[in-house]
Amino acid sequence: MFRLLLVLIVVALALPLLLEGTRSPCEALERRLAQAQARSTGAPGLSDLFPAATPEASGTGMASAAVAEKYPDLPEPAACYIVYYETYYQAIVGG
């Protein structure tokens, strides 16, 4: 049971990084937010403008604002994971 829980945690931590092709959860969140913003405005995907490996520091821009507003007491990477999964869930249920 412990091994299964450990595997699920590792998969949950790795999934945003693999799906978005980034090295930090905040970069993955920034790409997800940029894609959502591009879809809502009807503009071509902003994520196409990002290079494959973004060398920026994690938590810059939109991701920092989103996590600081929603979860000010959590460390930034943990809050980025939470907000990333919230946006992922909202995209699935359409809310």
C-alpha atoms as a PDB file:
ATOM      1  CA  MET A   1       0.000   0.000   0.000  1.00  0.00           C
ATOM      2  CA  PHE A   2       2.850   2.373   0.849  1.00  0.00           C
ATOM      3  CA  ARG A   3       4.498   1.723  -2.518  1.00  0.00           C
ATOM      4  CA  LEU A   4       1.287   2.480  -4.384  1.00  0.00           C
ATOM      5  CA  LEU A   5       0.875   5.745  -2.504  1.00  0.00           C
ATOM      6  CA  LEU A   6       4.494   6.661  -3.213  1.00  0.00           C
ATOM      7  CA  VAL A   7       4.049   5.926  -6.938  1.00  0.00           C
ATOM      8  CA  LEU A   8       0.886   8.054  -7.062  1.00  0.00           C
ATOM      9  CA  ILE A   9       2.659  10.979  -5.401  1.00  0.00           C
ATOM     10  CA  VAL A  10       5.619  10.752  -7.788  1.00  0.00           C
ATOM     11  CA  VAL A  11       3.288  10.609 -10.803  1.00  0.00           C
ATOM     12  CA  ALA A  12       1.280  13.592  -9.527  1.00  0.00           C
ATOM     13  CA  LEU A  13       4.473  15.619  -9.097  1.00  0.00           C
ATOM     14  CA  ALA A  14       5.916  14.630 -12.489  1.00  0.00           C
ATOM     15  CA  LEU A  15       2.768  14.923 -14.616  1.00  0.00           C
ATOM     16  CA  PRO A  16       2.657  18.745 -14.997  1.00  0.00           C
ATOM     17  CA  LEU A  17       6.363  18.834 -15.788  1.00  0.00           C
ATOM     18  CA  LEU A  18       6.049  16.158 -18.452  1.00  0.00           C
ATOM     19  CA  LEU A  19       2.846  17.483 -20.007  1.00  0.00           C
ATOM     20  CA  GLU A  20       4.116  21.035 -20.302  1.00  0.00           C
ATOM     21  CA  GLY A  21       7.776  20.181 -20.968  1.00  0.00           C
ATOM     22  CA  THR A  22       9.168  22.313 -18.158  1.00  0.00           C
ATOM     23  CA  ARG A  23      11.524  21.913 -15.225  1.00  0.00           C
ATOM     24  CA  SER A  24       9.436  23.496 -12.469  1.00  0.00           C
ATOM     25  CA  PRO A  25       5.756  23.444 -11.511  1.00  0.00           C
ATOM     26  CA  CYS A  26       5.502  27.220 -11.734  1.00  0.00           C
ATOM     27  CA  GLU A  27       6.754  27.210 -15.328  1.00  0.00           C
ATOM     28  CA  ALA A  28       4.191  24.509 -16.121  1.00  0.00           C
ATOM     29  CA  LEU A  29       1.489  26.642 -14.535  1.00  0.00           C
ATOM     30  CA  GLU A  30       2.574  29.680 -16.549  1.00  0.00           C
ATOM     31  CA  ARG A  31       2.274  27.714 -19.771  1.00  0.00           C
ATOM     32  CA  ARG A  32      -1.129  26.401 -18.749  1.00  0.00           C
ATOM     33  CA  LEU A  33      -2.343  29.917 -17.898  1.00  0.00           C
ATOM     34  CA  ALA A  34      -0.978  31.285 -21.184  1.00  0.00           C
ATOM     35  CA  GLN A  35      -2.782  28.553 -23.123  1.00  0.00           C
ATOM     36  CA  ALA A  36      -6.036  29.241 -21.284  1.00  0.00           C
ATOM     37  CA  GLN A  37      -5.708  32.973 -21.904  1.00  0.00           C
ATOM     38  CA  ALA A  38      -5.016  32.388 -25.597  1.00  0.00           C
ATOM     39  CA  ARG A  39      -8.066  30.142 -25.915  1.00  0.00           C
ATOM     40  CA  SER A  40     -10.309  32.678 -24.211  1.00  0.00           C
ATOM     41  CA  THR A  41      -9.177  35.569 -26.416  1.00  0.00           C
ATOM     42  CA  GLY A  42      -9.132  33.540 -29.620  1.00  0.00           C
ATOM     43  CA  ALA A  43      -5.495  34.464 -30.252  1.00  0.00           C
ATOM     44  CA  PRO A  44      -3.013  31.896 -31.520  1.00  0.00           C
ATOM     45  CA  GLY A  45      -1.447  29.852 -28.726  1.00  0.00           C
ATOM     46  CA  LEU A  46       0.949  31.873 -26.636  1.00  0.00           C
ATOM     47  CA  SER A  47       2.689  28.684 -25.590  1.00  0.00           C
ATOM     48  CA  ASP A  48       3.972  28.372 -29.172  1.00  0.00           C
ATOM     49  CA  LEU A  49       6.062  31.493 -28.517  1.00  0.00           C
ATOM     50  CA  PHE A  50       7.883  29.903 -25.584  1.00  0.00           C
ATOM     51  CA  PRO A  51      11.059  27.974 -26.332  1.00  0.00           C
ATOM     52  CA  ALA A  52      11.059  24.243 -25.549  1.00  0.00           C
ATOM     53  CA  ALA A  53      13.187  24.719 -22.426  1.00  0.00           C
ATOM     54  CA  THR A  54      12.455  28.024 -20.733  1.00  0.00           C
ATOM     55  CA  PRO A  55      15.501  29.159 -18.736  1.00  0.00           C
ATOM     56  CA  GLU A  56      13.499  31.601 -16.578  1.00  0.00           C
ATOM     57  CA  ALA A  57      13.359  31.291 -12.836  1.00  0.00           C
ATOM     58  CA  SER A  58      10.267  29.509 -11.617  1.00  0.00           C
ATOM     59  CA  GLY A  59       7.327  31.506 -10.398  1.00  0.00           C
ATOM     60  CA  THR A  60       7.675  34.589 -12.548  1.00  0.00           C
ATOM     61  CA  GLY A  61       4.796  36.408 -14.124  1.00  0.00           C
ATOM     62  CA  MET A  62       1.281  35.037 -14.085  1.00  0.00           C
ATOM     63  CA  ALA A  63       2.082  32.012 -11.921  1.00  0.00           C
ATOM     64  CA  SER A  64       3.444  34.126  -9.080  1.00  0.00           C
ATOM     65  CA  ALA A  65       0.380  36.348  -9.100  1.00  0.00           C
ATOM     66  CA  ALA A  66      -2.009  33.392  -9.180  1.00  0.00           C
ATOM     67  CA  VAL A  67      -0.407  31.496  -6.315  1.00  0.00           C
ATOM     68  CA  ALA A  68       0.287  34.554  -4.168  1.00  0.00           C
ATOM     69  CA  GLU A  69      -3.349  35.559  -4.378  1.00  0.00           C
ATOM     70  CA  LYS A  70      -4.848  32.130  -3.744  1.00  0.00           C
ATOM     71  CA  TYR A  71      -2.370  30.489  -1.354  1.00  0.00           C
ATOM     72  CA  PRO A  72      -0.183  33.122   0.324  1.00  0.00           C
ATOM     73  CA  ASP A  73       0.933  30.820   3.160  1.00  0.00           C
ATOM     74  CA  LEU A  74       2.140  27.891   1.035  1.00  0.00           C
ATOM     75  CA  PRO A  75       5.592  27.589  -0.517  1.00  0.00           C
ATOM     76  CA  GLU A  76       5.452  28.685  -4.146  1.00  0.00           C
ATOM     77  CA  PRO A  77       6.154  25.286  -5.794  1.00  0.00           C
ATOM     78  CA  ALA A  78       3.448  23.559  -3.733  1.00  0.00           C
ATOM     79  CA  ALA A  79       0.960  26.302  -4.523  1.00  0.00           C
ATOM     80  CA  CYS A  80       1.851  26.070  -8.223  1.00  0.00           C
ATOM     81  CA  TYR A  81       1.024  22.356  -8.198  1.00  0.00           C
ATOM     82  CA  ILE A  82      -2.320  23.013  -6.519  1.00  0.00           C
ATOM     83  CA  VAL A  83      -3.315  25.806  -8.904  1.00  0.00           C
ATOM     84  CA  TYR A  84      -2.127  23.749 -11.898  1.00  0.00           C
ATOM     85  CA  TYR A  85      -4.376  20.847 -10.911  1.00  0.00           C
ATOM     86  CA  GLU A  86      -7.257  23.231 -10.212  1.00  0.00           C
ATOM     87  CA  THR A  87      -6.993  24.641 -13.739  1.00  0.00           C
ATOM     88  CA  TYR A  88      -6.661  21.121 -15.134  1.00  0.00           C
ATOM     89  CA  TYR A  89      -9.826  20.046 -13.295  1.00  0.00           C
ATOM     90  CA  GLN A  90     -11.738  23.147 -14.441  1.00  0.00           C
ATOM     91  CA  ALA A  91     -10.750  22.415 -18.037  1.00  0.00           C
ATOM     92  CA  ILE A  92     -12.132  18.889 -17.735  1.00  0.00           C
ATOM     93  CA  VAL A  93     -15.476  19.774 -16.129  1.00  0.00           C
ATOM     94  CA  GLY A  94     -15.850  22.958 -18.154  1.00  0.00           C
ATOM     95  CA  GLY A  95     -16.330  25.261 -15.203  1.00  0.00           C
END
